């Protein structure tokens, strides 16, 4: 009997309980403005290739020289094409004394343990070759025809409507810095695989309101750069102390943590917008900035039905011109935990507790374990001092009411 139980446990460990996919996130301002986000699929061979690419890119970035503060942004798209096939795209932007854009894509079949090329997905790709190159020349008239004659179709993504082909700028010798791409409607292609369509989400939630008087000592906990694998544990701590937070989310993580977002709202916390890819906003054009905002708004609404009204600028950087490009309320902070930098509970507590006053907005991050470790002590200490926890929107509303008295 013992042997049977042991065998069952081994079987379950090897092939039973599938882990949740998640997003690995690394964001700091020590090596320059660095924002790295990529999916962890729990498929070892795929995750190894993704992490190897990310690590090499980050290593190369740290060894680059620049006369100004450099920026590295690695973002991703993730698409389950069907039950068997996953497509992951990593888009890299490096800003030093020049701008470098690159893309790397991986398409993996879980059933036969094989990385797929375009030839595995599209019938008669050779027949499309002329049309693709013709469109490239029309869209990028400075492309080098000699390079274009040998161009490959290694990098691509698939969504519900289009197959998108990407070309690194050097590949066709264009003068453009940005990635070069073409959208090909799926209905114009003979696909060799089925494409699953995403179904809409009809969940609609609103934030619970708390009863707070004008005389109460209040404080707002805010969490940037999530959601992450730690966010549910942070929500556990908030629930334990009947507290709440305002979570400023990165849009490209939202689809991975839909249940967590719904839990935030159900338990009385608030969701804000923190851009889609965590780029340094002050160097973006109006169109690029609005795309960062709008894609995040759409992602959050699609998952929860809730539309954020608050925005926290990445790295705290913004201009009045940027503020004029959106109706969202910009929210900063007056108490900075510096959790991403100090990385220990004791130092986080020293940065927070002595500096809190009624009406404070505390900045933390929910993509670090050391932030989670400090949270319970922060909440319990402030509760002993008579503080009540509110969302940022409630705090701003209270401030208005106090000013109008």
Protein backbone atom coordinates (compact mmCIF):
# COMPACT_ATOMS: atom_id res chain seq x y z
CA UNK A 1 0.00 0.00 0.00
CA UNK A 2 2.86 2.37 0.91
CA UNK A 3 4.48 1.74 -2.47
CA UNK A 4 1.22 2.63 -4.26
CA UNK A 5 0.88 5.92 -2.32
CA UNK A 6 4.50 6.87 -3.01
CA UNK A 7 4.02 6.06 -6.71
CA UNK A 8 0.88 8.20 -6.86
CA UNK A 9 2.72 11.13 -5.26
CA UNK A 10 5.57 10.82 -7.78
CA UNK A 11 3.10 10.73 -10.68
CA UNK A 12 1.32 13.82 -9.36
CA UNK A 13 4.60 15.67 -8.95
CA UNK A 14 5.78 14.77 -12.42
CA UNK A 15 2.69 15.35 -14.48
CA UNK A 16 -0.21 16.29 -12.29
CA UNK A 17 -0.49 19.74 -10.77
CA UNK A 18 0.23 22.30 -13.46
CA UNK A 19 1.52 25.59 -12.05
CA UNK A 20 -0.10 28.89 -12.89
CA UNK A 21 1.72 30.85 -15.55
CA UNK A 22 3.05 34.18 -14.31
CA UNK A 23 5.07 37.22 -15.29
CA UNK A 24 8.67 37.72 -14.22
CA UNK A 25 9.29 41.38 -13.52
CA UNK A 26 12.42 43.41 -12.86
CA UNK A 27 12.08 47.18 -12.65
CA UNK A 28 14.62 49.59 -11.15
CA UNK A 29 16.53 52.79 -11.71
CA UNK A 30 19.97 51.70 -10.50
CA UNK A 31 21.41 50.61 -13.86
CA UNK A 32 19.48 53.27 -15.75
CA UNK A 33 15.74 53.16 -16.36
CA UNK A 34 15.19 49.40 -16.54
CA UNK A 35 11.86 47.65 -17.01
CA UNK A 36 11.90 43.94 -17.86
CA UNK A 37 8.71 41.91 -18.02
CA UNK A 38 8.39 38.48 -19.58
CA UNK A 39 6.06 35.48 -19.20
CA UNK A 40 6.92 32.34 -17.25
CA UNK A 41 4.99 29.52 -18.92
CA UNK A 42 6.22 26.63 -16.70
CA UNK A 43 7.36 24.85 -19.86
CA UNK A 44 11.03 24.39 -19.08
CA UNK A 45 12.45 24.35 -22.60
CA UNK A 46 10.50 27.48 -23.57
CA UNK A 47 11.22 29.33 -20.32
CA UNK A 48 14.93 28.54 -20.64
CA UNK A 49 15.09 30.12 -24.09
CA UNK A 50 13.14 33.19 -22.97
CA UNK A 51 15.24 33.78 -19.85
CA UNK A 52 18.50 33.19 -21.74
CA UNK A 53 17.54 35.88 -24.26
CA UNK A 54 16.50 38.31 -21.50
CA UNK A 55 19.65 37.73 -19.44
CA UNK A 56 21.94 38.20 -22.43
CA UNK A 57 20.13 41.38 -23.46
CA UNK A 58 20.37 42.80 -19.94
CA UNK A 59 24.07 41.88 -19.70
CA UNK A 60 24.79 43.62 -23.01
CA UNK A 61 22.83 46.69 -21.89
CA UNK A 62 24.80 47.04 -18.65
CA UNK A 63 28.03 47.08 -20.66
CA UNK A 64 26.90 49.80 -23.05
CA UNK A 65 28.27 53.33 -22.72
CA UNK A 66 26.00 56.34 -22.86
CA UNK A 67 26.39 60.08 -22.22
CA UNK A 68 22.89 60.20 -20.68
CA UNK A 69 20.92 57.89 -18.39
CA UNK A 70 20.25 54.77 -20.50
CA UNK A 71 16.92 52.96 -20.71
CA UNK A 72 16.11 49.31 -21.28
CA UNK A 73 12.56 48.15 -21.81
CA UNK A 74 11.70 44.50 -22.50
CA UNK A 75 7.99 43.88 -22.97
CA UNK A 76 6.09 40.93 -24.36
CA UNK A 77 2.99 39.57 -25.96
CA UNK A 78 1.64 36.13 -25.10
CA UNK A 79 -0.89 34.24 -27.18
CA UNK A 80 -2.24 30.73 -26.75
CA UNK A 81 -2.94 30.09 -30.41
CA UNK A 82 -4.82 26.92 -29.50
CA UNK A 83 -4.63 24.21 -26.83
CA UNK A 84 -1.27 23.04 -28.18
CA UNK A 85 0.59 26.11 -29.44
CA UNK A 86 1.94 29.15 -27.56
CA UNK A 87 3.39 32.25 -29.20
CA UNK A 88 5.62 34.56 -27.11
CA UNK A 89 7.10 37.76 -28.47
CA UNK A 90 9.78 39.79 -26.64
CA UNK A 91 10.18 43.38 -27.79
CA UNK A 92 13.35 45.16 -26.68
CA UNK A 93 13.98 48.89 -26.78
CA UNK A 94 17.35 50.28 -25.70
CA UNK A 95 17.96 54.02 -25.48
CA UNK A 96 21.55 55.18 -25.08
CA UNK A 97 23.05 57.77 -27.42
CA UNK A 98 20.95 56.06 -30.07
CA UNK A 99 17.74 54.02 -30.09
CA UNK A 100 17.85 50.27 -30.72
CA UNK A 101 14.70 48.23 -31.28
CA UNK A 102 14.74 44.44 -31.56
CA UNK A 103 12.21 41.64 -31.48
CA UNK A 104 12.49 37.95 -30.67
CA UNK A 105 9.60 35.51 -30.97
CA UNK A 106 9.10 31.90 -29.90
CA UNK A 107 6.30 29.65 -31.10
CA UNK A 108 6.13 26.34 -29.27
CA UNK A 109 3.98 23.23 -29.69
CA UNK A 110 3.46 21.57 -26.29
CA UNK A 111 2.16 18.34 -27.80
CA UNK A 112 5.16 17.44 -29.92
CA UNK A 113 7.73 19.48 -27.93
CA UNK A 114 8.79 21.45 -30.99
CA UNK A 115 9.52 25.09 -31.82
CA UNK A 116 7.57 26.10 -34.91
CA UNK A 117 8.49 28.24 -37.87
CA UNK A 118 6.17 30.14 -40.22
CA UNK A 119 6.27 27.16 -42.58
CA UNK A 120 4.60 25.06 -39.86
CA UNK A 121 1.71 27.50 -39.56
CA UNK A 122 0.99 28.97 -42.98
CA UNK A 123 0.36 27.05 -46.18
CA UNK A 124 2.20 28.22 -49.31
CA UNK A 125 4.34 30.90 -47.66
CA UNK A 126 6.46 31.04 -50.81
CA UNK A 127 3.40 32.17 -52.70
CA UNK A 128 3.05 35.12 -50.35
CA UNK A 129 6.67 36.11 -50.60
CA UNK A 130 6.24 38.55 -53.50
CA UNK A 131 3.24 40.29 -51.90
CA UNK A 132 5.03 40.64 -48.55
CA UNK A 133 8.15 42.20 -50.09
CA UNK A 134 6.04 44.48 -52.26
CA UNK A 135 4.18 45.76 -49.19
CA UNK A 136 7.44 46.24 -47.30
CA UNK A 137 8.81 48.38 -50.11
CA UNK A 138 5.61 50.42 -50.24
CA UNK A 139 5.63 50.97 -46.47
CA UNK A 140 9.40 51.53 -46.15
CA UNK A 141 10.61 53.03 -49.41
CA UNK A 142 14.19 53.34 -48.16
CA UNK A 143 14.53 49.56 -47.71
CA UNK A 144 17.55 47.97 -49.37
CA UNK A 145 16.30 45.63 -52.12
CA UNK A 146 19.40 43.42 -51.88
CA UNK A 147 18.69 42.75 -48.22
CA UNK A 148 15.00 42.45 -48.89
CA UNK A 149 15.54 39.66 -51.38
CA UNK A 150 16.91 37.44 -48.60
CA UNK A 151 14.62 38.56 -45.78
CA UNK A 152 13.40 35.84 -43.42
CA UNK A 153 10.09 35.42 -41.63
CA UNK A 154 11.48 34.32 -38.27
CA UNK A 155 9.62 36.79 -36.07
CA UNK A 156 5.86 36.85 -35.92
CA UNK A 157 2.86 37.03 -33.62
CA UNK A 158 -0.73 35.94 -34.11
CA UNK A 159 -3.83 37.51 -32.61
CA UNK A 160 -7.51 36.96 -33.35
CA UNK A 161 -7.38 38.97 -36.58
CA UNK A 162 -3.83 39.21 -37.93
CA UNK A 163 -0.59 37.43 -38.48
CA UNK A 164 2.01 40.14 -37.82
CA UNK A 165 5.47 39.78 -39.35
CA UNK A 166 8.30 41.71 -37.68
CA UNK A 167 11.66 42.68 -39.13
CA UNK A 168 14.54 44.06 -37.11
CA UNK A 169 15.58 47.35 -38.80
CA UNK A 170 19.06 46.11 -39.75
CA UNK A 171 17.48 43.17 -41.52
CA UNK A 172 16.27 45.27 -44.44
CA UNK A 173 18.64 48.22 -43.93
CA UNK A 174 15.88 50.73 -43.34
CA UNK A 175 16.78 54.13 -41.90
CA UNK A 176 14.03 53.66 -39.31
CA UNK A 177 14.88 52.99 -35.66
CA UNK A 178 11.53 51.42 -34.86
CA UNK A 179 10.57 47.83 -35.53
CA UNK A 180 9.31 47.18 -39.03
CA UNK A 181 6.14 45.13 -39.28
CA UNK A 182 3.32 44.05 -41.54
CA UNK A 183 -0.17 42.92 -40.53
CA UNK A 184 -1.61 40.16 -42.69
CA UNK A 185 -5.32 39.41 -42.09
CA UNK A 186 -5.85 35.80 -41.06
CA UNK A 187 -8.82 35.45 -43.36
CA UNK A 188 -6.47 36.04 -46.32
CA UNK A 189 -4.23 33.12 -45.31
CA UNK A 190 -4.51 29.35 -45.43
CA UNK A 191 -3.52 28.44 -41.89
CA UNK A 192 -2.25 24.96 -41.07
CA UNK A 193 -3.42 25.29 -37.45
CA UNK A 194 -6.66 26.35 -35.79
CA UNK A 195 -6.73 29.76 -34.06
CA UNK A 196 -8.70 29.98 -30.84
CA UNK A 197 -10.60 33.23 -30.40
CA UNK A 198 -10.62 35.11 -27.09
CA UNK A 199 -14.08 35.37 -25.59
CA UNK A 200 -15.22 38.59 -23.95
CA UNK A 201 -15.56 38.92 -20.19
CA UNK A 202 -18.89 40.15 -18.86
CA UNK A 203 -17.76 40.64 -15.25
CA UNK A 204 -18.52 44.13 -13.94
CA UNK A 205 -17.36 45.19 -10.49
CA UNK A 206 -17.17 48.42 -8.53
CA UNK A 207 -15.16 49.43 -5.48
CA UNK A 208 -16.64 49.01 -2.01
CA UNK A 209 -16.94 52.29 -0.10
CA UNK A 210 -15.78 52.73 3.50
CA UNK A 211 -17.37 54.90 6.18
CA UNK A 212 -14.75 57.49 7.10
CA UNK A 213 -15.37 60.75 8.94
CA UNK A 214 -13.62 64.03 8.20
CA UNK A 215 -11.78 63.84 11.53
CA UNK A 216 -10.31 60.37 11.00
CA UNK A 217 -6.59 59.86 10.54
CA UNK A 218 -6.34 58.27 7.10
CA UNK A 219 -3.58 56.86 4.93
CA UNK A 220 -3.48 55.28 1.48
CA UNK A 221 -1.24 52.31 0.69
CA UNK A 222 -0.26 52.16 -2.98
CA UNK A 223 1.48 49.38 -4.88
CA UNK A 224 3.23 49.84 -8.22
CA UNK A 225 4.50 47.54 -10.97
CA UNK A 226 2.17 44.58 -10.39
CA UNK A 227 0.28 42.42 -10.49
CA UNK A 228 2.70 39.61 -9.67
CA UNK A 229 2.95 36.27 -7.91
CA UNK A 230 3.07 38.19 -4.60
CA UNK A 231 -0.09 40.24 -5.10
CA UNK A 232 -2.53 37.65 -3.74
CA UNK A 233 -0.40 37.34 -0.57
CA UNK A 234 -0.50 41.12 -0.21
CA UNK A 235 -4.28 40.96 -0.53
CA UNK A 236 -4.30 38.30 2.21
CA UNK A 237 -2.53 40.73 4.56
CA UNK A 238 -4.88 43.59 3.65
CA UNK A 239 -7.90 41.36 4.28
CA UNK A 240 -6.51 40.19 7.65
CA UNK A 241 -6.38 43.80 8.90
CA UNK A 242 -9.51 45.02 7.13
CA UNK A 243 -7.32 47.36 5.10
CA UNK A 244 -7.20 48.25 1.41
CA UNK A 245 -4.74 49.45 -1.19
CA UNK A 246 -4.57 51.14 -4.55
CA UNK A 247 -2.76 49.01 -7.12
CA UNK A 248 -1.18 50.81 -10.08
CA UNK A 249 -0.91 48.05 -12.66
CA UNK A 250 1.27 47.45 -15.69
CA UNK A 251 -1.09 46.67 -18.54
CA UNK A 252 0.85 43.83 -20.16
CA UNK A 253 0.53 41.77 -16.96
CA UNK A 254 -3.23 42.12 -16.56
CA UNK A 255 -4.37 39.09 -18.57
CA UNK A 256 -2.14 36.78 -16.52
CA UNK A 257 -3.75 37.78 -13.22
CA UNK A 258 -7.42 38.28 -13.99
CA UNK A 259 -8.67 36.52 -10.83
CA UNK A 260 -6.36 38.66 -8.71
CA UNK A 261 -7.74 41.87 -10.23
CA UNK A 262 -11.31 40.78 -9.58
CA UNK A 263 -10.36 39.94 -5.99
CA UNK A 264 -8.82 43.42 -5.53
CA UNK A 265 -12.11 45.08 -6.38
CA UNK A 266 -14.32 42.63 -4.49
CA UNK A 267 -12.31 43.15 -1.30
CA UNK A 268 -12.40 46.94 -1.50
CA UNK A 269 -9.09 47.87 -3.06
CA UNK A 270 -8.72 50.15 -6.06
CA UNK A 271 -7.01 49.71 -9.44
CA UNK A 272 -5.03 52.45 -11.17
CA UNK A 273 -3.14 52.70 -14.44
CA UNK A 274 0.70 52.52 -14.48
CA UNK A 275 1.22 52.37 -18.28
CA UNK A 276 1.33 49.28 -20.48
CA UNK A 277 5.08 48.57 -20.74
CA UNK A 278 6.58 50.77 -17.97
CA UNK A 279 8.46 52.97 -20.43
CA UNK A 280 9.99 56.30 -19.41
CA UNK A 281 7.05 58.48 -20.38
CA UNK A 282 8.81 61.82 -20.68
CA UNK A 283 10.51 60.82 -23.93
CA UNK A 284 7.35 59.48 -25.59
CA UNK A 285 5.33 61.32 -28.21
CA UNK A 286 1.70 62.19 -27.54
CA UNK A 287 0.57 59.18 -29.58
CA UNK A 288 2.97 56.79 -27.83
CA UNK A 289 1.95 58.05 -24.39
CA UNK A 290 -1.75 57.73 -25.14
CA UNK A 291 -1.21 54.21 -26.46
CA UNK A 292 0.46 53.25 -23.15
CA UNK A 293 -2.55 54.64 -21.27
CA UNK A 294 -5.31 53.34 -23.53
CA UNK A 295 -4.02 49.78 -23.90
CA UNK A 296 -3.88 49.47 -20.10
CA UNK A 297 -7.37 50.94 -19.67
CA UNK A 298 -8.72 48.47 -22.22
CA UNK A 299 -6.94 45.49 -20.63
CA UNK A 300 -8.25 46.27 -17.13
CA UNK A 301 -11.78 46.89 -18.35
CA UNK A 302 -11.76 43.70 -20.43
CA UNK A 303 -10.84 41.62 -17.38
CA UNK A 304 -12.90 43.35 -14.68
CA UNK A 305 -15.34 45.78 -16.30
CA UNK A 306 -13.78 48.48 -14.09
CA UNK A 307 -12.28 51.58 -15.72
CA UNK A 308 -9.49 53.27 -13.73
CA UNK A 309 -9.56 57.02 -13.12
CA UNK A 310 -6.06 57.29 -11.59
CA UNK A 311 -2.64 57.21 -13.23
CA UNK A 312 0.80 56.93 -11.69
CA UNK A 313 3.65 57.94 -14.03
CA UNK A 314 6.51 55.47 -14.33
CA UNK A 315 9.59 56.43 -12.27
CA UNK A 316 7.49 59.38 -11.03
CA UNK A 317 8.43 61.31 -14.17
CA UNK A 318 5.95 63.51 -16.02
CA UNK A 319 5.38 66.97 -17.47
CA UNK A 320 2.34 69.22 -17.55
CA UNK A 321 2.20 68.55 -21.29
CA UNK A 322 1.85 64.81 -20.63
CA UNK A 323 -0.90 65.51 -18.09
CA UNK A 324 -2.83 67.40 -20.76
CA UNK A 325 -2.93 64.27 -22.96
CA UNK A 326 -5.27 62.30 -20.66
CA UNK A 327 -8.25 62.83 -18.36
CA UNK A 328 -6.80 60.46 -15.77
CA UNK A 329 -5.76 61.95 -12.41
CA UNK A 330 -1.98 61.83 -11.88
CA UNK A 331 -1.07 60.45 -8.45
CA UNK A 332 2.36 60.60 -6.82
CA UNK A 333 3.23 59.97 -3.14
CA UNK A 334 4.72 61.69 -0.08
CA UNK A 335 6.12 58.58 1.70
CA UNK A 336 8.52 56.41 -0.30
CA UNK A 337 9.34 52.97 1.12
CA UNK A 338 12.28 52.61 -1.33
CA UNK A 339 11.49 48.89 -1.04
CA UNK A 340 12.99 48.07 -4.45
CA UNK A 341 16.29 49.62 -3.35
CA UNK A 342 16.75 48.80 0.36
CA UNK A 343 15.38 45.25 0.07
CA UNK A 344 15.02 44.51 3.80
CA UNK A 345 12.00 44.73 6.09
CA UNK A 346 13.75 46.84 8.75
CA UNK A 347 14.94 49.46 6.26
CA UNK A 348 11.50 49.63 4.62
CA UNK A 349 9.89 50.21 8.03
CA UNK A 350 12.40 53.01 8.79
CA UNK A 351 11.57 54.68 5.48
CA UNK A 352 7.82 54.51 6.08
CA UNK A 353 6.68 54.67 9.71
CA UNK A 354 8.39 57.88 10.90
CA UNK A 355 7.21 59.80 7.83
CA UNK A 356 3.48 59.02 7.77
CA UNK A 357 0.94 61.70 8.62
CA UNK A 358 -2.81 61.86 8.08
CA UNK A 359 -3.45 62.08 4.36
CA UNK A 360 -0.21 60.38 3.37
CA UNK A 361 0.14 58.28 0.24
CA UNK A 362 2.69 55.49 0.76
CA UNK A 363 4.58 54.09 -2.23
CA UNK A 364 5.35 50.35 -2.23
CA UNK A 365 5.65 47.68 -4.91
CA UNK A 366 3.83 44.35 -5.12
CA UNK A 367 6.39 42.57 -7.28
CA UNK A 368 8.97 42.10 -4.47
CA UNK A 369 8.88 39.61 -1.60
CA UNK A 370 10.59 42.05 0.77
CA UNK A 371 7.68 44.48 0.29
CA UNK A 372 5.28 41.71 1.30
CA UNK A 373 7.43 40.92 4.36
CA UNK A 374 7.23 44.53 5.60
CA UNK A 375 3.55 45.13 4.91
CA UNK A 376 2.05 43.48 7.98
CA UNK A 377 4.26 45.48 10.36
CA UNK A 378 3.43 48.73 8.54
CA UNK A 379 -0.31 48.13 8.78
CA UNK A 380 -0.31 46.92 12.41
CA UNK A 381 1.88 49.86 13.54
CA UNK A 382 -0.26 52.45 11.79
CA UNK A 383 -3.47 50.89 13.10
CA UNK A 384 -2.09 51.20 16.65
CA UNK A 385 -1.55 54.90 15.94
CA UNK A 386 -5.23 55.22 15.00
CA UNK A 387 -4.92 55.34 11.22
CA UNK A 388 -7.65 54.08 8.89
CA UNK A 389 -6.77 52.78 5.44
CA UNK A 390 -8.54 54.18 2.38
CA UNK A 391 -8.08 54.06 -1.37
CA UNK A 392 -6.44 56.99 -3.13
CA UNK A 393 -9.78 58.08 -4.61
CA UNK A 394 -11.34 58.13 -1.13
CA UNK A 395 -8.35 60.06 0.21
CA UNK A 396 -8.63 62.69 -2.52
CA UNK A 397 -12.36 62.97 -1.89
CA UNK A 398 -11.74 63.49 1.84
CA UNK A 399 -9.16 66.18 1.13
CA UNK A 400 -11.67 68.06 -1.04
CA UNK A 401 -14.33 67.88 1.65
CA UNK A 402 -11.90 69.12 4.31
CA UNK A 403 -10.80 72.01 2.13
CA UNK A 404 -14.41 73.04 1.49
CA UNK A 405 -15.27 73.28 5.20
